[in-house]
Amino acid sequence: MPDLIGLAIVFLILALIAYIFGARGIAGLSMNIAKWLVIIFIVLAIISLFL
């Protein structure tokens, strides 16, 4: 599971860099991927608490 958070951070940094350079489409896509990775991480963390 730590890999999901690492990937989310990488996509967040990529989104911030893309936004700074004006590539808003890539920034939006990267933020969307980072958001879903964090959601998946949280869901898996909650499931692992109960198992």
N, C-alpha and C. Protein backbone atom coordinates (compact mmCIF):
# COMPACT_ATOMS: atom_id res chain seq x y z
N MET A 1 0.79 -1.22 0.00
CA MET A 1 0.00 0.00 0.00
C MET A 1 0.83 1.28 0.00
N PRO A 2 2.04 1.29 0.54
CA PRO A 2 2.82 2.53 0.47
C PRO A 2 3.12 2.95 -0.97
N ASP A 3 3.10 2.00 -1.90
CA ASP A 3 3.35 2.35 -3.29
C ASP A 3 2.25 3.23 -3.86
N LEU A 4 1.01 3.03 -3.41
CA LEU A 4 -0.08 3.86 -3.89
C LEU A 4 0.10 5.31 -3.46
N ILE A 5 0.51 5.51 -2.23
CA ILE A 5 0.73 6.88 -1.76
C ILE A 5 1.91 7.52 -2.50
N GLY A 6 2.95 6.74 -2.73
CA GLY A 6 4.10 7.24 -3.48
C GLY A 6 3.71 7.66 -4.89
N LEU A 7 2.90 6.84 -5.54
CA LEU A 7 2.43 7.19 -6.89
C LEU A 7 1.53 8.41 -6.86
N ALA A 8 0.68 8.52 -5.85
CA ALA A 8 -0.18 9.69 -5.74
C ALA A 8 0.64 10.97 -5.58
N ILE A 9 1.70 10.89 -4.80
CA ILE A 9 2.56 12.07 -4.61
C ILE A 9 3.27 12.43 -5.91
N VAL A 10 3.73 11.41 -6.64
CA VAL A 10 4.39 11.66 -7.93
C VAL A 10 3.43 12.34 -8.90
N PHE A 11 2.19 11.85 -8.99
CA PHE A 11 1.22 12.47 -9.90
C PHE A 11 0.83 13.86 -9.43
N LEU A 12 0.79 14.09 -8.12
CA LEU A 12 0.50 15.43 -7.61
C LEU A 12 1.61 16.41 -7.99
N ILE A 13 2.85 16.00 -7.84
CA ILE A 13 3.98 16.86 -8.23
C ILE A 13 3.97 17.11 -9.73
N LEU A 14 3.69 16.06 -10.51
CA LEU A 14 3.60 16.21 -11.96
C LEU A 14 2.49 17.19 -12.33
N ALA A 15 1.37 17.12 -11.64
CA ALA A 15 0.26 18.04 -11.92
C ALA A 15 0.65 19.48 -11.59
N LEU A 16 1.33 19.68 -10.47
CA LEU A 16 1.74 21.04 -10.10
C LEU A 16 2.74 21.61 -11.11
N ILE A 17 3.68 20.80 -11.55
CA ILE A 17 4.67 21.26 -12.54
C ILE A 17 3.98 21.57 -13.86
N ALA A 18 3.06 20.69 -14.28
CA ALA A 18 2.35 20.92 -15.54
C ALA A 18 1.50 22.18 -15.45
N TYR A 19 0.89 22.42 -14.30
CA TYR A 19 0.07 23.63 -14.14
C TYR A 19 0.93 24.89 -14.20
N ILE A 20 2.10 24.83 -13.61
CA ILE A 20 3.00 25.99 -13.63
C ILE A 20 3.42 26.32 -15.06
N PHE A 21 3.67 25.26 -15.86
CA PHE A 21 4.10 25.48 -17.24
C PHE A 21 2.94 25.68 -18.21
N GLY A 22 1.72 25.67 -17.72
CA GLY A 22 0.58 26.01 -18.55
C GLY A 22 -0.10 24.84 -19.24
N ALA A 23 0.32 23.62 -18.96
CA ALA A 23 -0.32 22.45 -19.58
C ALA A 23 -1.47 22.01 -18.69
N ARG A 24 -2.57 22.71 -18.78
CA ARG A 24 -3.69 22.47 -17.85
C ARG A 24 -4.37 21.13 -18.09
N GLY A 25 -4.36 20.62 -19.31
CA GLY A 25 -4.96 19.32 -19.59
C GLY A 25 -4.20 18.20 -18.89
N ILE A 26 -2.88 18.25 -18.97
CA ILE A 26 -2.05 17.24 -18.31
C ILE A 26 -2.16 17.40 -16.80
N ALA A 27 -2.23 18.63 -16.33
CA ALA A 27 -2.35 18.87 -14.89
C ALA A 27 -3.66 18.30 -14.36
N GLY A 28 -4.74 18.51 -15.08
CA GLY A 28 -6.03 17.99 -14.66
C GLY A 28 -6.06 16.47 -14.65
N LEU A 29 -5.46 15.86 -15.67
CA LEU A 29 -5.41 14.41 -15.74
C LEU A 29 -4.56 13.85 -14.60
N SER A 30 -3.44 14.47 -14.31
CA SER A 30 -2.57 14.01 -13.24
C SER A 30 -3.25 14.15 -11.88
N MET A 31 -3.97 15.24 -11.68
CA MET A 31 -4.69 15.40 -10.42
C MET A 31 -5.79 14.36 -10.28
N ASN A 32 -6.46 14.04 -11.38
CA ASN A 32 -7.50 13.03 -11.34
C ASN A 32 -6.92 11.66 -10.98
N ILE A 33 -5.78 11.32 -11.57
CA ILE A 33 -5.13 10.04 -11.25
C ILE A 33 -4.69 10.02 -9.80
N ALA A 34 -4.11 11.12 -9.32
CA ALA A 34 -3.66 11.19 -7.93
C ALA A 34 -4.84 11.06 -6.98
N LYS A 35 -5.96 11.68 -7.32
CA LYS A 35 -7.15 11.61 -6.48
C LYS A 35 -7.64 10.17 -6.37
N TRP A 36 -7.71 9.46 -7.49
CA TRP A 36 -8.19 8.08 -7.46
C TRP A 36 -7.22 7.16 -6.73
N LEU A 37 -5.92 7.41 -6.86
CA LEU A 37 -4.95 6.59 -6.12
C LEU A 37 -5.11 6.76 -4.62
N VAL A 38 -5.35 7.99 -4.18
CA VAL A 38 -5.57 8.23 -2.75
C VAL A 38 -6.87 7.57 -2.28
N ILE A 39 -7.92 7.65 -3.09
CA ILE A 39 -9.19 7.01 -2.73
C ILE A 39 -9.00 5.50 -2.62
N ILE A 40 -8.30 4.89 -3.58
CA ILE A 40 -8.05 3.45 -3.52
C ILE A 40 -7.23 3.10 -2.29
N PHE A 41 -6.23 3.93 -1.97
CA PHE A 41 -5.41 3.68 -0.78
C PHE A 41 -6.26 3.71 0.48
N ILE A 42 -7.13 4.70 0.60
CA ILE A 42 -7.97 4.82 1.79
C ILE A 42 -8.92 3.63 1.92
N VAL A 43 -9.52 3.22 0.81
CA VAL A 43 -10.42 2.08 0.83
C VAL A 43 -9.68 0.81 1.25
N LEU A 44 -8.50 0.60 0.69
CA LEU A 44 -7.72 -0.60 1.05
C LEU A 44 -7.26 -0.54 2.50
N ALA A 45 -6.93 0.65 2.99
CA ALA A 45 -6.52 0.78 4.38
C ALA A 45 -7.67 0.46 5.33
N ILE A 46 -8.87 0.93 5.00
CA ILE A 46 -10.04 0.65 5.84
C ILE A 46 -10.35 -0.86 5.80
N ILE A 47 -10.27 -1.45 4.62
CA ILE A 47 -10.53 -2.89 4.52
C ILE A 47 -9.52 -3.68 5.33
N SER A 48 -8.25 -3.27 5.27
CA SER A 48 -7.21 -4.01 6.01
C SER A 48 -7.36 -3.86 7.52
N LEU A 49 -8.01 -2.80 7.99
CA LEU A 49 -8.26 -2.66 9.42
C LEU A 49 -9.23 -3.71 9.94
N PHE A 50 -10.19 -4.08 9.08
CA PHE A 50 -11.21 -5.03 9.49
C PHE A 50 -10.81 -6.49 9.28
N LEU A 51 -9.74 -6.73 8.56
CA LEU A 51 -9.32 -8.12 8.30
C LEU A 51 -8.17 -8.54 9.18
